[in-house]
Amino acid sequence: MLTEKPNSNTLHLHQMSALEIVETMNSEDATISQAVRGAQQKIASAVELITERLEKGGRLFYVGAGTSGRMGVLDASECPPTFGTLPDMVQGIMAGGEKAMTDAVEGAEDDFSAGEDTMRNKKVVDRDVVVGIAASGTTPFVLAAVEYGRRKGAATVGLACNSPSLLLENVDVPIGVLVGPEVLAGSTRLKAGTAQKMVLNMLSTATMVLLGKVYQNRMVDVQSTNKKLERRALEMVFELGEVSMENAALLLQESGNHVKTAVVMAKLGINSDSAKKLLEAESGHLGRIL
């Protein structure tokens, strides 16, 4: 596999100075965005598919092992605070369970039956989406999870750094990002992991934009769970609602600390209940109302 081959540019890695190692890694990393660019059309198709299913009340499952699984869990965990999603809308599933997030679980990625059992326990249905993430494209746990999803009618997406591969050959939307051999042969936490993070950023962010969880380029469904986010919410109401900071604070309070509601109240001069009804009628799309 391409991700397992020795990199001809780093055969003398063990003889390099600290600066030479850093420069070499930076040079290799510079090629990742080009590899992702080559998959843009497939990534966009995946976004459209995910959006369609989530609009119908479906869920998005990222499934992976090792670094690939951790990338999925990371992206999923960021969705509730960033976009105000319910915790079960986007879920990261890791071979070996939560323990595997910090410790290697021997044989977890090779357990085909565990991949199927995990998805069965999640009660995957036809309005869901299963995104299998595997740098090799051959991880049994991931292949089993994707196959179970397909049997249940769920939409399937594959993200791999080897093509052709079993994963990419057995999904509705195959995303192959060919980053080439790693600086450290076979260490797919490097270029492959970075590429996966870039693609997952695109999948979740673009989907949430299409679902109406973004207005202009602002995260208007943000959950104010700390002082920084409270300040961000206040500034959004101030700027988007075109009111004073004092009024923005009052509107946020009256809206139950919900940015979109406060902005609609400010722009249309209506109360919280009326603003919430408008948002509900437009499926939360602030842009349609304004």
Protein backbone atom coordinates (compact mmCIF):
# COMPACT_ATOMS: atom_id res chain seq x y z
CA MET A 1 0.00 0.00 0.00
CA LEU A 2 1.10 3.53 -0.77
CA THR A 3 0.86 4.59 2.87
CA GLU A 4 3.19 1.73 3.89
CA LYS A 5 5.97 2.37 1.39
CA PRO A 6 9.28 3.96 2.45
CA ASN A 7 9.54 7.59 1.40
CA SER A 8 12.55 8.13 -0.84
CA ASN A 9 12.94 11.68 0.52
CA THR A 10 13.46 10.49 4.09
CA LEU A 11 15.68 7.43 3.82
CA HIS A 12 18.32 9.27 5.87
CA LEU A 13 15.89 10.53 8.50
CA HIS A 14 17.99 8.96 11.28
CA GLN A 15 21.01 11.05 10.25
CA MET A 16 19.22 14.41 10.03
CA SER A 17 19.53 17.29 12.47
CA ALA A 18 16.46 18.60 14.30
CA LEU A 19 16.11 21.44 11.77
CA GLU A 20 16.50 19.10 8.80
CA ILE A 21 13.77 16.80 10.17
CA VAL A 22 11.43 19.73 10.71
CA GLU A 23 12.13 21.17 7.24
CA THR A 24 11.60 17.78 5.61
CA MET A 25 8.32 17.19 7.41
CA ASN A 26 7.11 20.67 6.51
CA SER A 27 8.01 20.07 2.87
CA GLU A 28 6.08 16.78 2.84
CA ASP A 29 3.09 18.36 4.59
CA ALA A 30 2.93 21.04 1.90
CA THR A 31 1.72 18.39 -0.55
CA ILE A 32 -1.35 17.41 1.52
CA SER A 33 -3.64 20.24 0.44
CA GLN A 34 -3.03 19.35 -3.21
CA ALA A 35 -4.06 15.77 -2.52
CA VAL A 36 -7.23 16.99 -0.80
CA ARG A 37 -7.93 19.35 -3.71
CA GLY A 38 -8.01 16.36 -6.02
CA ALA A 39 -10.90 14.93 -3.99
CA GLN A 40 -13.00 18.11 -3.78
CA GLN A 41 -15.84 16.89 -5.99
CA LYS A 42 -16.23 13.70 -3.98
CA ILE A 43 -16.11 15.64 -0.72
CA ALA A 44 -18.85 17.97 -1.98
CA SER A 45 -20.96 14.97 -3.02
CA ALA A 46 -20.55 13.53 0.47
CA VAL A 47 -21.63 16.85 2.01
CA GLU A 48 -24.78 16.88 -0.11
CA LEU A 49 -25.58 13.29 0.85
CA ILE A 50 -24.99 13.91 4.57
CA THR A 51 -27.07 17.09 4.51
CA GLU A 52 -29.95 15.30 2.81
CA ARG A 53 -30.02 12.56 5.46
CA LEU A 54 -29.62 14.90 8.45
CA GLU A 55 -32.49 17.05 7.17
CA LYS A 56 -34.64 13.94 7.44
CA GLY A 57 -33.66 13.45 11.07
CA GLY A 58 -30.77 11.10 10.40
CA ARG A 59 -27.46 10.82 12.21
CA LEU A 60 -23.87 11.00 11.02
CA PHE A 61 -21.48 8.30 12.25
CA TYR A 62 -17.71 8.57 11.83
CA VAL A 63 -16.14 5.12 12.24
CA GLY A 64 -12.42 4.46 12.50
CA ALA A 65 -9.53 2.86 14.37
CA GLY A 66 -6.35 4.38 15.75
CA THR A 67 -5.58 7.84 14.40
CA SER A 68 -8.47 7.63 11.93
CA GLY A 69 -10.92 6.90 14.72
CA ARG A 70 -9.54 9.70 16.88
CA MET A 71 -9.97 12.17 14.01
CA GLY A 72 -13.61 11.16 13.74
CA VAL A 73 -14.25 11.42 17.47
CA LEU A 74 -12.56 14.83 17.55
CA ASP A 75 -14.68 16.22 14.72
CA ALA A 76 -17.89 14.81 16.17
CA SER A 77 -17.17 16.21 19.63
CA GLU A 78 -16.75 19.72 18.22
CA CYS A 79 -20.19 19.83 16.58
CA PRO A 80 -22.40 20.47 19.66
CA PRO A 81 -20.46 23.49 20.99
CA THR A 82 -19.75 24.95 17.54
CA PHE A 83 -23.08 24.35 15.82
CA GLY A 84 -25.51 23.67 18.65
CA THR A 85 -26.23 20.14 17.44
CA LEU A 86 -27.74 17.52 19.70
CA PRO A 87 -25.08 15.08 20.98
CA ASP A 88 -26.41 12.16 18.95
CA MET A 89 -26.56 13.95 15.57
CA VAL A 90 -22.83 13.50 14.86
CA GLN A 91 -21.12 10.59 16.60
CA GLY A 92 -17.56 9.33 16.54
CA ILE A 93 -17.10 5.57 16.89
CA MET A 94 -13.69 4.22 17.82
CA ALA A 95 -12.57 0.62 17.46
CA GLY A 96 -11.85 -0.52 21.00
CA GLY A 97 -14.23 2.02 22.54
CA GLU A 98 -13.39 5.04 24.69
CA LYS A 99 -10.28 3.40 26.16
CA ALA A 100 -8.75 3.33 22.67
CA MET A 101 -8.80 7.14 22.52
CA THR A 102 -5.74 7.25 24.76
CA ASP A 103 -4.43 3.68 24.83
CA ALA A 104 -3.88 1.15 22.07
CA VAL A 105 -6.39 -1.70 22.33
CA GLU A 106 -4.77 -4.82 20.92
CA GLY A 107 -6.60 -6.30 17.95
CA ALA A 108 -9.49 -3.81 18.07
CA GLU A 109 -9.15 -2.69 14.46
CA ASP A 110 -9.08 -6.30 13.23
CA ASP A 111 -12.32 -7.26 14.98
CA PHE A 112 -14.82 -7.49 12.12
CA SER A 113 -17.69 -8.68 14.30
CA ALA A 114 -17.20 -5.79 16.73
CA GLY A 115 -17.64 -3.32 13.88
CA GLU A 116 -20.98 -4.84 12.99
CA ASP A 117 -22.08 -5.19 16.61
CA THR A 118 -21.28 -1.56 17.35
CA MET A 119 -23.48 -0.31 14.51
CA ARG A 120 -26.23 -2.73 15.46
CA ASN A 121 -26.17 -1.30 18.99
CA LYS A 122 -26.46 2.20 17.49
CA LYS A 123 -29.63 1.04 15.71
CA VAL A 124 -28.50 2.41 12.34
CA VAL A 125 -31.39 3.03 9.93
CA ASP A 126 -31.87 4.21 6.36
CA ARG A 127 -31.83 7.93 7.15
CA ASP A 128 -28.38 7.72 8.75
CA VAL A 129 -24.93 8.16 7.21
CA VAL A 130 -21.90 6.01 8.02
CA VAL A 131 -18.50 7.51 7.16
CA GLY A 132 -15.73 4.93 7.31
CA ILE A 133 -12.29 6.41 7.93
CA ALA A 134 -9.21 4.26 7.32
CA ALA A 135 -5.88 5.40 5.92
CA SER A 136 -5.24 1.90 4.56
CA GLY A 137 -8.80 1.44 3.32
CA THR A 138 -8.69 -2.14 4.62
CA THR A 139 -9.45 -1.93 8.38
CA PRO A 140 -11.84 -4.82 9.21
CA PHE A 141 -13.69 -2.97 12.00
CA VAL A 142 -14.44 -0.08 9.62
CA LEU A 143 -15.37 -2.32 6.69
CA ALA A 144 -17.82 -4.22 8.89
CA ALA A 145 -19.44 -1.03 10.19
CA VAL A 146 -19.87 0.34 6.67
CA GLU A 147 -21.24 -2.97 5.38
CA TYR A 148 -23.79 -3.12 8.20
CA GLY A 149 -24.85 0.44 7.43
CA ARG A 150 -25.34 -0.45 3.76
CA ARG A 151 -27.50 -3.43 4.63
CA LYS A 152 -29.72 -1.17 6.72
CA GLY A 153 -30.06 1.32 3.85
CA ALA A 154 -27.85 3.98 5.40
CA ALA A 155 -25.80 6.21 3.10
CA THR A 156 -22.10 5.33 3.15
CA VAL A 157 -18.95 7.36 2.62
CA GLY A 158 -15.37 6.12 2.64
CA LEU A 159 -12.28 8.19 3.42
CA ALA A 160 -8.96 6.49 2.68
CA CYS A 161 -5.44 7.33 1.60
CA ASN A 162 -4.98 4.25 -0.57
CA SER A 163 -6.84 3.73 -3.83
CA PRO A 164 -8.03 1.30 -4.95
CA SER A 165 -9.02 -0.13 -1.59
CA LEU A 166 -11.83 -2.27 -0.19
CA LEU A 167 -13.34 0.66 1.68
CA LEU A 168 -13.53 2.94 -1.34
CA GLU A 169 -14.95 0.17 -3.51
CA ASN A 170 -17.89 -0.48 -1.19
CA VAL A 171 -19.42 2.93 -0.39
CA ASP A 172 -21.80 5.35 -2.05
CA VAL A 173 -19.21 8.13 -2.08
CA PRO A 174 -15.50 7.18 -2.10
CA ILE A 175 -13.06 9.90 -1.02
CA GLY A 176 -9.52 8.92 -1.87
CA VAL A 177 -6.84 11.35 -0.69
CA LEU A 178 -3.50 10.02 -1.91
CA VAL A 179 -0.89 11.73 0.25
CA GLY A 180 1.84 9.24 -0.64
CA PRO A 181 4.42 7.54 1.59
CA GLU A 182 4.83 8.94 5.08
CA VAL A 183 7.98 10.66 6.39
CA LEU A 184 8.12 7.78 8.86
CA ALA A 185 7.13 4.72 6.83
CA GLY A 186 3.66 3.50 7.77
CA SER A 187 3.04 6.18 10.43
CA THR A 188 -0.33 7.33 9.13
CA ARG A 189 -0.81 9.72 12.06
CA LEU A 190 1.32 12.07 9.93
CA LYS A 191 0.24 13.08 6.39
CA ALA A 192 -2.73 10.71 6.27
CA GLY A 193 -4.01 11.93 9.64
CA THR A 194 -3.65 15.55 8.61
CA ALA A 195 -5.49 14.90 5.35
CA GLN A 196 -8.29 13.12 7.21
CA LYS A 197 -8.67 16.06 9.58
CA MET A 198 -8.87 18.46 6.64
CA VAL A 199 -11.58 16.41 4.93
CA LEU A 200 -13.60 15.95 8.12
CA ASN A 201 -13.41 19.72 8.71
CA MET A 202 -14.97 20.17 5.29
CA LEU A 203 -17.64 17.50 5.75
CA SER A 204 -18.93 18.81 9.07
CA THR A 205 -18.55 22.53 8.41
CA ALA A 206 -20.06 22.51 4.91
CA THR A 207 -22.92 20.31 6.09
CA MET A 208 -23.71 22.64 8.98
CA VAL A 209 -23.64 25.65 6.63
CA LEU A 210 -26.18 23.95 4.36
CA LEU A 211 -28.31 23.04 7.39
CA GLY A 212 -28.57 26.75 8.27
CA LYS A 213 -26.32 26.68 11.30
CA VAL A 214 -24.14 29.45 9.88
CA TYR A 215 -25.07 32.99 8.83
CA GLN A 216 -22.56 34.95 6.76
CA ASN A 217 -19.45 33.31 8.23
CA ARG A 218 -20.61 33.31 11.85
CA MET A 219 -21.41 30.30 14.03
CA VAL A 220 -24.85 31.56 15.02
CA ASP A 221 -25.83 28.30 16.74
CA VAL A 222 -22.83 28.40 19.07
CA GLN A 223 -23.40 27.23 22.65
CA SER A 224 -22.09 29.78 25.15
CA THR A 225 -20.35 27.38 27.50
CA ASN A 226 -17.51 29.67 28.59
CA LYS A 227 -16.61 33.36 28.84
CA LYS A 228 -15.04 33.47 25.39
CA LEU A 229 -18.14 32.01 23.75
CA GLU A 230 -20.44 34.27 25.77
CA ARG A 231 -18.51 37.26 24.42
CA ARG A 232 -18.69 35.84 20.89
CA ALA A 233 -22.47 35.43 21.16
CA LEU A 234 -22.87 38.99 22.42
CA GLU A 235 -20.76 40.39 19.59
CA MET A 236 -22.77 38.47 16.99
CA VAL A 237 -26.05 39.91 18.24
CA PHE A 238 -24.45 43.38 18.36
CA GLU A 239 -23.12 43.15 14.80
CA LEU A 240 -25.79 41.10 13.03
CA GLY A 241 -28.70 42.66 14.89
CA GLU A 242 -27.27 46.17 14.48
CA VAL A 243 -28.05 47.15 18.06
CA SER A 244 -26.02 48.53 20.93
CA MET A 245 -24.06 46.22 23.20
CA GLU A 246 -26.52 46.97 26.00
CA ASN A 247 -29.51 46.01 23.84
CA ALA A 248 -27.66 42.96 22.56
CA ALA A 249 -27.18 41.76 26.12
CA LEU A 250 -30.86 42.29 26.92
CA LEU A 251 -32.00 40.50 23.76
CA LEU A 252 -29.73 37.56 24.50
CA GLN A 253 -31.18 37.30 27.99
CA GLU A 254 -34.77 37.46 26.68
CA SER A 255 -34.02 34.87 24.00
CA GLY A 256 -32.68 32.31 26.44
CA ASN A 257 -29.12 33.01 25.28
CA HIS A 258 -29.94 31.95 21.71
CA VAL A 259 -28.07 34.06 19.15
CA LYS A 260 -30.39 33.46 16.19
CA THR A 261 -33.49 34.31 18.20
CA ALA A 262 -31.88 37.48 19.55
CA VAL A 263 -30.83 38.59 16.06
CA VAL A 264 -34.33 38.05 14.63
CA MET A 265 -35.79 39.99 17.57
CA ALA A 266 -33.38 42.85 16.90
CA LYS A 267 -33.88 43.01 13.14
CA LEU A 268 -37.66 42.53 13.05
CA GLY A 269 -38.60 44.19 16.32
CA ILE A 270 -40.53 41.17 17.59
CA ASN A 271 -40.56 39.23 20.85
CA SER A 272 -38.76 36.00 21.64
CA ASP A 273 -41.72 33.68 21.03
CA SER A 274 -42.44 35.18 17.62
CA ALA A 275 -38.77 34.99 16.65
CA LYS A 276 -38.55 31.34 17.67
CA LYS A 277 -41.66 30.48 15.65
CA LEU A 278 -40.17 32.14 12.56
CA LEU A 279 -36.95 30.20 12.99
CA GLU A 280 -38.84 26.95 13.46
CA ALA A 281 -40.86 27.60 10.30
CA GLU A 282 -37.64 28.14 8.34
CA SER A 283 -35.81 25.16 9.87
CA GLY A 284 -33.43 27.51 11.67
CA HIS A 285 -32.18 29.26 8.50
CA LEU A 286 -31.50 32.79 9.70
CA GLY A 287 -30.63 33.94 6.20
CA ARG A 288 -34.10 33.10 4.87
CA ILE A 289 -35.73 35.26 7.55
CA LEU A 290 -33.42 38.23 7.25
